[in-house]
Amino acid sequence: MNIPILNTVRLLSILAPILMLPTSCKQDLEENNSAIEPIAGVETNAANTNYKPAFDGQTRANGTVKSTFQSKIITSALSQPWGITDLPDGRLLVTEKSGSMRIVDTLGVVSAPITGLPVVNNVAQGGLLGICLDPSYATNKMVYWVFAESVAGGNVTAVAKGKLSNSETTIENAIVIYRTNPPNASVLHYGGRILFDKTGHLVLSTGERSVIETRPLAQAVTSGLGKIIRITTNGQPALGNPTFNGAGALPELYSIGHRNPQGIAFHPVTGDLWQSEFGPRGGDEINRVQPGLNYGWPIITYGIEYGGEPIAPVKTQQEGMEQPVYYWDPVISPSGITFYKGNKIPSWQNNLFVAALSGQHIARLVIQNNKVVGEERLLEKENQRFRDVIQGKNGALYAITDQGRLYKIDK
């Protein structure tokens, strides 16, 4: 009768370490996790300034796990493409800076130029810029676009609309519905992205035109320069816009204090408006734009003048002015942006993709709780100036470059 008891004791003595193993392993795992070093950030070059960020992670975020994806060049036959949007059937409608629109199918066949557009001023940073489709495009064929227009007194950022003909060869009844003010001879900083919000109104980004005399107008509520604008499809101020203090404040203003914003996109979960903005020498920004707020330019910035001197007054923060969610120093020249809403590459879901010109890559920003917690650079070996990026109907990303390429980026 003693043998079974001894066997039981012996068995328990053998099993005891095994039964304890999961707890021990879990402890080791927790200890190992606490010792894991963050992935080094992608930026290794020296900054232009020694300005201190307002919070941890506002610049030079940690890296993130490298993405696994495929990319291919759909066509190299475009001429300085600037804006891109997708048609209901998955083809792409592209603006070319010189003043043309073209349709590109998913095999890379490029249409002849679409006629009927107003004349653009294509000098320097001008030209035919951002583009979007009416939410009811399938039935009304309405297209909206931004362009640099020469008017009495100089140049302006203008918005036009028209109907794409059934033959898809011309824009019918094109009309300008909105112009920024005041005109200026500058041929720089037009801004130029446009999209629809969920209420069916147009959201437009405008630049402050760069020159010293117009730079302060980014802060002026009587001017459309250096702003996010929200208007109806007829170019009138949209209902529900914020009210800015000051005599003569324009009712179309949504936010103020921007330099040269060339990217806008709505977060797929929160619905918040996000924006990319060119800084001077350093200080490129990503902002979460909220109605009625002031984003600081030219009073606060994390950059300096191109000649190397500080921007006066030397400030990176001021009460009543918003901080960027993220900034780059040195710059990457962030142009078009889009959020990834697909599920083909799960690790990309709700990530922000930023087309970088001087950076010659597409930045992937991992965002949590409205902060950037990881950054990756895609296609940086292509040596291309990436101008815009969107997600197509098939879930793939499509990106255009100043050199005329259209890329498809997918699993």
Protein backbone atom coordinates (compact mmCIF):
# COMPACT_ATOMS: atom_id res chain seq x y z
CA MET A 1 0.00 0.00 0.00
CA ASN A 2 3.01 2.33 0.45
CA ILE A 3 4.17 1.98 -3.14
CA PRO A 4 1.38 4.05 -4.73
CA ILE A 5 1.96 6.82 -2.19
CA LEU A 6 5.69 6.91 -2.95
CA ASN A 7 4.94 6.94 -6.68
CA THR A 8 2.55 9.83 -6.18
CA VAL A 9 5.11 11.82 -4.23
CA ARG A 10 7.76 11.04 -6.82
CA LEU A 11 5.39 12.09 -9.63
CA LEU A 12 4.55 15.38 -7.90
CA SER A 13 8.23 16.12 -7.40
CA ILE A 14 8.80 15.59 -11.10
CA LEU A 15 5.78 17.66 -12.17
CA ALA A 16 6.34 20.58 -9.80
CA PRO A 17 8.97 22.36 -11.89
CA ILE A 18 6.92 21.73 -15.02
CA LEU A 19 3.74 23.10 -13.44
CA MET A 20 5.65 26.20 -12.43
CA LEU A 21 7.20 26.67 -15.88
CA PRO A 22 4.51 28.96 -17.43
CA THR A 23 4.80 31.42 -14.54
CA SER A 24 8.57 31.38 -14.78
CA CYS A 25 8.49 31.81 -18.56
CA LYS A 26 5.99 34.62 -18.24
CA GLN A 27 8.27 36.38 -15.76
CA ASP A 28 11.27 35.94 -18.07
CA LEU A 29 9.21 37.24 -20.99
CA GLU A 30 8.18 40.33 -19.04
CA GLU A 31 11.78 40.94 -18.06
CA ASN A 32 12.94 40.48 -21.64
CA ASN A 33 10.24 42.83 -22.92
CA SER A 34 11.29 45.51 -20.48
CA ALA A 35 14.83 45.22 -21.82
CA ILE A 36 13.92 45.54 -25.51
CA GLU A 37 15.44 48.69 -26.98
CA PRO A 38 13.21 50.97 -29.10
CA ILE A 39 13.87 50.81 -32.83
CA ALA A 40 16.16 53.63 -33.89
CA GLY A 41 14.47 56.53 -35.65
CA VAL A 42 14.84 56.97 -39.41
CA GLU A 43 16.39 60.46 -39.25
CA THR A 44 20.15 60.43 -38.72
CA ASN A 45 21.15 63.83 -40.10
CA ALA A 46 21.85 66.81 -37.88
CA ALA A 47 19.01 69.24 -37.18
CA ASN A 48 19.18 72.84 -38.36
CA THR A 49 18.32 74.12 -34.91
CA ASN A 50 18.70 73.24 -31.25
CA TYR A 51 15.06 74.05 -30.50
CA LYS A 52 13.53 71.84 -27.85
CA PRO A 53 10.33 70.02 -28.82
CA ALA A 54 7.23 70.72 -26.75
CA PHE A 55 6.80 67.04 -25.84
CA ASP A 56 8.49 63.69 -26.27
CA GLY A 57 7.94 62.20 -29.72
CA GLN A 58 7.09 65.51 -31.39
CA THR A 59 10.08 65.00 -33.69
CA ARG A 60 12.44 62.14 -34.56
CA ALA A 61 10.05 59.42 -33.46
CA ASN A 62 11.23 55.88 -32.95
CA GLY A 63 11.35 53.64 -35.96
CA THR A 64 8.83 50.89 -36.53
CA VAL A 65 8.92 47.32 -37.81
CA LYS A 66 9.77 47.33 -41.51
CA SER A 67 6.82 46.86 -43.82
CA THR A 68 6.48 43.99 -46.24
CA PHE A 69 4.92 45.22 -49.46
CA GLN A 70 5.33 45.30 -53.21
CA SER A 71 5.58 48.33 -55.44
CA LYS A 72 5.62 48.79 -59.16
CA ILE A 73 5.66 51.67 -61.61
CA ILE A 74 2.33 51.79 -63.42
CA THR A 75 3.52 54.48 -65.85
CA SER A 76 6.35 56.97 -66.29
CA ALA A 77 4.51 58.90 -69.01
CA LEU A 78 2.98 61.67 -66.91
CA SER A 79 4.34 65.23 -66.97
CA GLN A 80 4.83 66.75 -63.52
CA PRO A 81 1.71 65.24 -61.96
CA TRP A 82 0.48 67.16 -58.91
CA GLY A 83 -2.89 65.79 -57.79
CA ILE A 84 -4.56 62.40 -58.02
CA THR A 85 -7.97 60.97 -57.21
CA ASP A 86 -9.72 57.72 -58.05
CA LEU A 87 -12.74 57.32 -60.30
CA PRO A 88 -15.61 55.01 -59.31
CA ASP A 89 -14.33 52.22 -61.59
CA GLY A 90 -10.82 52.29 -60.10
CA ARG A 91 -9.12 54.34 -62.80
CA LEU A 92 -7.21 57.42 -61.69
CA LEU A 93 -7.74 61.08 -62.58
CA VAL A 94 -4.48 63.01 -62.45
CA THR A 95 -3.63 66.71 -62.73
CA GLU A 96 -0.44 67.79 -64.44
CA LYS A 97 1.18 71.01 -63.29
CA SER A 98 1.23 72.55 -66.77
CA GLY A 99 -2.58 72.60 -66.86
CA SER A 100 -3.72 69.19 -68.10
CA MET A 101 -5.87 66.46 -66.60
CA ARG A 102 -5.46 62.87 -67.70
CA ILE A 103 -7.08 59.54 -66.89
CA VAL A 104 -4.78 56.60 -66.16
CA ASP A 105 -6.09 53.05 -66.02
CA THR A 106 -4.67 50.44 -63.66
CA LEU A 107 -2.50 49.02 -66.46
CA GLY A 108 -0.84 52.39 -66.97
CA VAL A 109 -2.56 53.53 -70.16
CA VAL A 110 -2.62 57.34 -70.11
CA SER A 111 -5.39 59.28 -71.86
CA ALA A 112 -4.97 62.34 -74.04
CA PRO A 113 -5.22 65.66 -72.14
CA ILE A 114 -8.75 66.56 -71.04
CA THR A 115 -9.70 69.93 -72.52
CA GLY A 116 -11.92 72.76 -71.27
CA LEU A 117 -9.93 73.87 -68.21
CA PRO A 118 -9.16 77.51 -67.34
CA VAL A 119 -5.64 78.75 -68.08
CA VAL A 120 -3.20 78.21 -65.22
CA ASN A 121 -0.12 80.17 -64.22
CA ASN A 122 2.49 77.42 -64.32
CA VAL A 123 5.47 79.51 -63.18
CA ALA A 124 7.53 78.16 -60.27
CA GLN A 125 5.17 76.53 -57.70
CA GLY A 126 2.02 77.44 -59.61
CA GLY A 127 0.06 75.35 -62.07
CA LEU A 128 -2.82 72.88 -61.90
CA LEU A 129 -2.83 71.52 -58.37
CA GLY A 130 -5.19 69.43 -56.20
CA ILE A 131 -8.30 67.62 -57.40
CA CYS A 132 -11.33 65.81 -55.98
CA LEU A 133 -14.63 64.37 -57.16
CA ASP A 134 -18.13 65.27 -56.05
CA PRO A 135 -19.53 62.66 -53.61
CA SER A 136 -22.31 62.17 -56.20
CA TYR A 137 -19.86 61.93 -59.10
CA ALA A 138 -21.36 58.66 -60.34
CA THR A 139 -24.50 60.58 -61.30
CA ASN A 140 -23.39 64.20 -61.77
CA LYS A 141 -19.76 63.79 -63.08
CA MET A 142 -18.66 66.95 -61.23
CA VAL A 143 -14.95 67.54 -60.68
CA TYR A 144 -13.33 70.19 -58.45
CA TRP A 145 -9.75 71.39 -58.69
CA VAL A 146 -7.29 74.02 -57.45
CA PHE A 147 -4.99 76.07 -59.66
CA ALA A 148 -2.74 79.11 -59.67
CA GLU A 149 -4.54 81.88 -61.53
CA SER A 150 -3.21 85.21 -62.82
CA VAL A 151 -5.59 88.06 -62.01
CA ALA A 152 -5.36 91.84 -61.75
CA GLY A 153 -2.76 92.58 -59.09
CA GLY A 154 -0.91 89.28 -59.27
CA ASN A 155 -1.67 85.59 -58.70
CA VAL A 156 -4.14 83.75 -56.48
CA THR A 157 -5.04 80.24 -55.38
CA ALA A 158 -8.33 79.52 -57.18
CA VAL A 159 -10.90 76.74 -57.04
CA ALA A 160 -12.89 75.68 -60.11
CA LYS A 161 -15.48 73.07 -60.93
CA GLY A 162 -16.90 71.48 -64.07
CA LYS A 163 -18.56 68.37 -65.44
CA LEU A 164 -16.51 65.65 -67.09
CA SER A 165 -18.14 64.90 -70.41
CA ASN A 166 -19.58 61.47 -71.17
CA SER A 167 -16.71 60.94 -73.59
CA GLU A 168 -14.25 61.83 -70.78
CA THR A 169 -12.39 64.14 -73.15
CA THR A 170 -13.40 67.58 -71.87
CA ILE A 171 -14.59 69.48 -68.82
CA GLU A 172 -17.93 71.13 -69.55
CA ASN A 173 -19.00 74.51 -68.17
CA ALA A 174 -15.89 75.08 -66.08
CA ILE A 175 -16.29 77.94 -63.64
CA VAL A 176 -14.11 79.47 -60.92
CA ILE A 177 -15.99 79.37 -57.61
CA TYR A 178 -13.43 80.73 -55.15
CA ARG A 179 -10.29 82.88 -55.12
CA THR A 180 -8.01 83.74 -52.22
CA ASN A 181 -7.22 87.35 -51.40
CA PRO A 182 -5.24 89.46 -51.82
CA PRO A 183 -3.47 88.75 -55.13
CA ASN A 184 0.32 88.98 -55.10
CA ALA A 185 3.06 88.76 -57.71
CA SER A 186 4.68 85.87 -55.81
CA VAL A 187 4.73 82.53 -57.65
CA LEU A 188 5.27 80.48 -54.49
CA HIS A 189 3.23 78.83 -51.70
CA TYR A 190 -0.19 78.30 -53.21
CA GLY A 191 -1.10 75.38 -50.93
CA GLY A 192 -3.56 73.62 -53.17
CA ARG A 193 -5.14 70.43 -51.81
CA ILE A 194 -8.90 70.02 -51.84
CA LEU A 195 -11.35 67.37 -50.63
CA PHE A 196 -14.91 66.90 -49.46
CA ASP A 197 -15.84 66.57 -45.82
CA LYS A 198 -18.60 64.30 -44.56
CA THR A 199 -21.14 67.14 -44.77
CA GLY A 200 -20.61 67.60 -48.50
CA HIS A 201 -18.58 70.79 -48.23
CA LEU A 202 -15.17 71.51 -49.73
CA VAL A 203 -12.04 71.85 -47.61
CA LEU A 204 -9.16 73.73 -49.22
CA SER A 205 -5.57 74.41 -48.11
CA THR A 206 -3.97 77.73 -49.08
CA GLY A 207 -0.41 79.00 -48.74
CA GLU A 208 0.72 82.41 -47.52
CA ARG A 209 2.61 83.05 -50.80
CA SER A 210 6.05 83.02 -49.14
CA VAL A 211 7.22 86.62 -49.56
CA ILE A 212 7.84 88.85 -46.55
CA GLU A 213 4.93 91.19 -47.26
CA THR A 214 2.35 88.38 -47.42
CA ARG A 215 3.80 86.13 -44.70
CA PRO A 216 1.97 87.97 -41.86
CA LEU A 217 -1.34 87.43 -43.69
CA ALA A 218 -1.33 83.85 -42.42
CA GLN A 219 -2.43 85.44 -39.14
CA ALA A 220 -4.88 87.92 -40.70
CA VAL A 221 -8.52 86.87 -40.46
CA THR A 222 -9.34 89.24 -43.33
CA SER A 223 -7.21 87.24 -45.78
CA GLY A 224 -7.55 83.80 -47.34
CA LEU A 225 -3.77 83.26 -47.39
CA GLY A 226 -2.18 80.65 -45.14
CA LYS A 227 -5.49 79.08 -44.15
CA ILE A 228 -7.70 76.05 -44.22
CA ILE A 229 -10.87 77.19 -46.02
CA ARG A 230 -14.28 75.48 -45.91
CA ILE A 231 -16.80 76.38 -48.61
CA THR A 232 -19.87 75.07 -50.40
CA THR A 233 -19.77 73.62 -53.90
CA ASN A 234 -20.73 77.10 -55.12
CA GLY A 235 -17.80 78.72 -53.33
CA GLN A 236 -19.76 80.27 -50.48
CA PRO A 237 -18.78 80.00 -46.79
CA ALA A 238 -20.05 76.70 -45.40
CA LEU A 239 -22.52 76.56 -42.55
CA GLY A 240 -20.97 75.62 -39.24
CA ASN A 241 -17.63 77.35 -39.82
CA PRO A 242 -16.00 78.81 -36.72
CA THR A 243 -16.19 82.53 -36.02
CA PHE A 244 -12.85 84.31 -35.71
CA ASN A 245 -12.43 87.46 -33.68
CA GLY A 246 -11.59 90.64 -35.56
CA ALA A 247 -13.28 93.13 -37.82
CA GLY A 248 -13.91 91.77 -41.29
CA ALA A 249 -13.10 88.16 -40.41
CA LEU A 250 -13.81 85.97 -43.42
CA PRO A 251 -16.64 83.47 -42.82
CA GLU A 252 -14.98 80.79 -44.97
CA LEU A 253 -12.03 80.40 -42.59
CA TYR A 254 -11.65 77.07 -40.79
CA SER A 255 -8.16 77.50 -39.29
CA ILE A 256 -5.37 80.07 -39.58
CA GLY A 257 -1.61 80.39 -39.19
CA HIS A 258 -0.42 78.02 -41.92
CA ARG A 259 2.64 78.40 -44.16
CA ASN A 260 2.29 76.18 -47.22
CA PRO A 261 -0.05 73.26 -46.54
CA GLN A 262 -0.04 70.77 -49.42
CA GLY A 263 -1.71 67.78 -47.78
CA ILE A 264 -5.07 67.28 -46.07
CA ALA A 265 -6.87 64.06 -45.07
CA PHE A 266 -9.57 62.91 -42.68
CA HIS A 267 -8.74 60.25 -40.09
CA PRO A 268 -10.84 57.15 -40.91
CA VAL A 269 -11.83 56.52 -37.27
CA THR A 270 -11.99 59.89 -35.52
CA GLY A 271 -12.97 61.95 -38.55
CA ASP A 272 -10.41 64.60 -37.56
CA LEU A 273 -8.78 66.68 -40.28
CA TRP A 274 -5.00 66.20 -40.53
CA GLN A 275 -2.66 68.35 -42.55
CA SER A 276 0.94 68.46 -43.80
CA GLU A 277 2.77 71.77 -44.04
CA PHE A 278 6.09 72.91 -45.44
CA GLY A 279 8.25 74.63 -42.88
CA PRO A 280 11.13 76.95 -43.78
CA ARG A 281 14.60 75.49 -43.18
CA GLY A 282 13.43 72.87 -40.72
CA GLY A 283 10.05 72.72 -39.09
CA ASP A 284 7.96 70.77 -41.61
CA GLU A 285 4.75 69.94 -39.78
CA ILE A 286 1.93 67.46 -39.35
CA ASN A 287 -1.08 69.09 -37.69
CA ARG A 288 -4.41 67.84 -36.42
CA VAL A 289 -6.56 70.72 -37.56
CA GLN A 290 -9.45 71.77 -35.36
CA PRO A 291 -11.92 74.49 -36.32
CA GLY A 292 -11.22 78.00 -35.11
CA LEU A 293 -7.64 77.40 -34.00
CA ASN A 294 -4.39 79.19 -34.84
CA TYR A 295 -1.42 77.07 -35.97
CA GLY A 296 1.13 79.75 -35.38
CA TRP A 297 2.97 80.68 -38.56
CA PRO A 298 4.93 82.96 -38.76
CA ILE A 299 4.95 83.75 -35.03
CA ILE A 300 6.01 80.28 -33.88
CA THR A 301 8.02 77.74 -35.84
CA TYR A 302 10.62 75.00 -35.40
CA GLY A 303 12.52 76.21 -38.48
CA ILE A 304 14.82 79.05 -39.52
CA GLU A 305 15.16 81.22 -42.63
CA TYR A 306 16.73 79.60 -45.69
CA GLY A 307 19.77 81.83 -45.20
CA GLY A 308 20.30 80.38 -41.74
CA GLU A 309 19.15 83.30 -39.60
CA PRO A 310 16.40 82.85 -37.00
CA ILE A 311 12.82 83.79 -37.81
CA ALA A 312 11.88 86.73 -35.63
CA PRO A 313 10.52 86.60 -33.05
CA VAL A 314 12.37 83.44 -32.07
CA LYS A 315 9.53 81.36 -30.63
CA THR A 316 8.46 77.74 -30.83
CA GLN A 317 5.51 78.08 -28.46
CA GLN A 318 2.97 80.74 -27.59
CA GLU A 319 -0.28 80.67 -25.69
CA GLY A 320 -3.27 80.54 -28.01
CA MET A 321 -1.29 78.86 -30.79
CA GLU A 322 -1.32 75.14 -31.54
CA GLN A 323 1.67 72.85 -31.53
CA PRO A 324 2.25 70.50 -34.46
CA VAL A 325 1.58 66.86 -33.69
CA TYR A 326 4.91 66.15 -35.39
CA TYR A 327 7.70 68.05 -37.11
CA TRP A 328 10.81 67.29 -39.14
CA ASP A 329 14.19 69.01 -38.90
CA PRO A 330 15.84 68.71 -41.38
CA VAL A 331 12.88 68.90 -43.72
CA ILE A 332 11.38 66.23 -45.94
CA SER A 333 9.03 68.65 -47.83
CA PRO A 334 5.71 66.91 -47.07
CA SER A 335 3.14 67.24 -49.86
CA GLY A 336 0.04 65.03 -50.29
CA ILE A 337 -1.11 62.73 -47.47
CA THR A 338 -3.58 59.90 -46.98
CA PHE A 339 -4.66 57.51 -44.24
CA TYR A 340 -4.58 53.80 -44.95
CA LYS A 341 -8.07 52.38 -44.58
CA GLY A 342 -7.49 48.93 -46.03
CA ASN A 343 -6.84 45.55 -44.43
CA LYS A 344 -4.46 43.96 -46.91
CA ILE A 345 -1.54 45.09 -44.76
CA PRO A 346 -2.98 45.06 -41.22
CA SER A 347 0.00 46.84 -39.64
CA TRP A 348 -0.76 49.88 -41.85
CA GLN A 349 -4.34 50.37 -40.70
CA ASN A 350 -4.99 54.03 -39.82
CA ASN A 351 -1.35 54.93 -40.50
CA LEU A 352 -0.71 58.28 -42.18
CA PHE A 353 1.27 58.20 -45.44
CA VAL A 354 3.10 61.37 -46.44
CA ALA A 355 4.51 62.07 -49.92
CA ALA A 356 7.94 63.68 -49.43
CA LEU A 357 9.55 65.82 -52.12
CA SER A 358 13.06 66.74 -50.96
CA GLY A 359 13.02 63.66 -48.73
CA GLN A 360 12.40 61.49 -51.81
CA HIS A 361 10.35 58.87 -50.00
CA ILE A 362 6.91 58.17 -48.59
CA ALA A 363 6.82 58.53 -44.83
CA ARG A 364 4.63 56.08 -42.90
CA LEU A 365 3.60 57.51 -39.55
CA VAL A 366 2.13 55.25 -36.87
CA ILE A 367 -0.32 57.31 -34.81
CA GLN A 368 -1.72 56.46 -31.40
CA ASN A 369 -3.83 58.84 -29.32
CA ASN A 370 -3.05 61.64 -31.77
CA LYS A 371 0.71 61.24 -31.37
CA VAL A 372 3.29 59.80 -33.76
CA VAL A 373 4.83 56.71 -32.15
CA GLY A 374 6.67 55.29 -35.15
CA GLU A 375 8.04 56.33 -38.53
CA GLU A 376 9.19 54.38 -41.59
CA ARG A 377 10.44 55.54 -44.98
CA LEU A 378 9.16 53.72 -48.06
CA LEU A 379 10.65 53.74 -51.58
CA GLU A 380 13.59 55.93 -50.59
CA LYS A 381 15.86 54.11 -53.05
CA GLU A 382 13.69 55.21 -55.99
CA ASN A 383 15.20 58.73 -55.99
CA GLN A 384 11.83 60.30 -56.74
CA ARG A 385 10.16 63.47 -55.49
CA PHE A 386 6.84 62.10 -54.23
CA ARG A 387 4.05 64.65 -54.71
CA ASP A 388 0.82 62.90 -53.71
CA VAL A 389 -0.46 59.58 -52.42
CA ILE A 390 -3.99 58.17 -52.21
CA GLN A 391 -5.66 54.84 -51.52
CA GLY A 392 -7.48 53.45 -54.54
CA LYS A 393 -10.74 51.56 -54.79
CA ASN A 394 -8.85 48.24 -54.75
CA GLY A 395 -7.16 49.04 -51.43
CA ALA A 396 -3.72 49.72 -52.93
CA LEU A 397 -1.84 52.97 -52.44
CA TYR A 398 -1.08 55.02 -55.55
CA ALA A 399 1.65 57.67 -55.53
CA ILE A 400 2.77 60.19 -58.13
CA THR A 401 6.16 61.87 -58.46
CA ASP A 402 7.38 65.12 -59.95
CA GLN A 403 9.41 63.06 -62.43
CA GLY A 404 6.21 61.66 -63.95
CA ARG A 405 5.86 58.26 -62.35
CA LEU A 406 2.74 56.60 -60.96
CA TYR A 407 3.44 53.87 -58.39
CA LYS A 408 1.17 51.15 -57.09
CA ILE A 409 2.02 50.04 -53.53
CA ASP A 410 0.29 46.89 -52.30
CA LYS A 411 0.71 43.54 -50.60
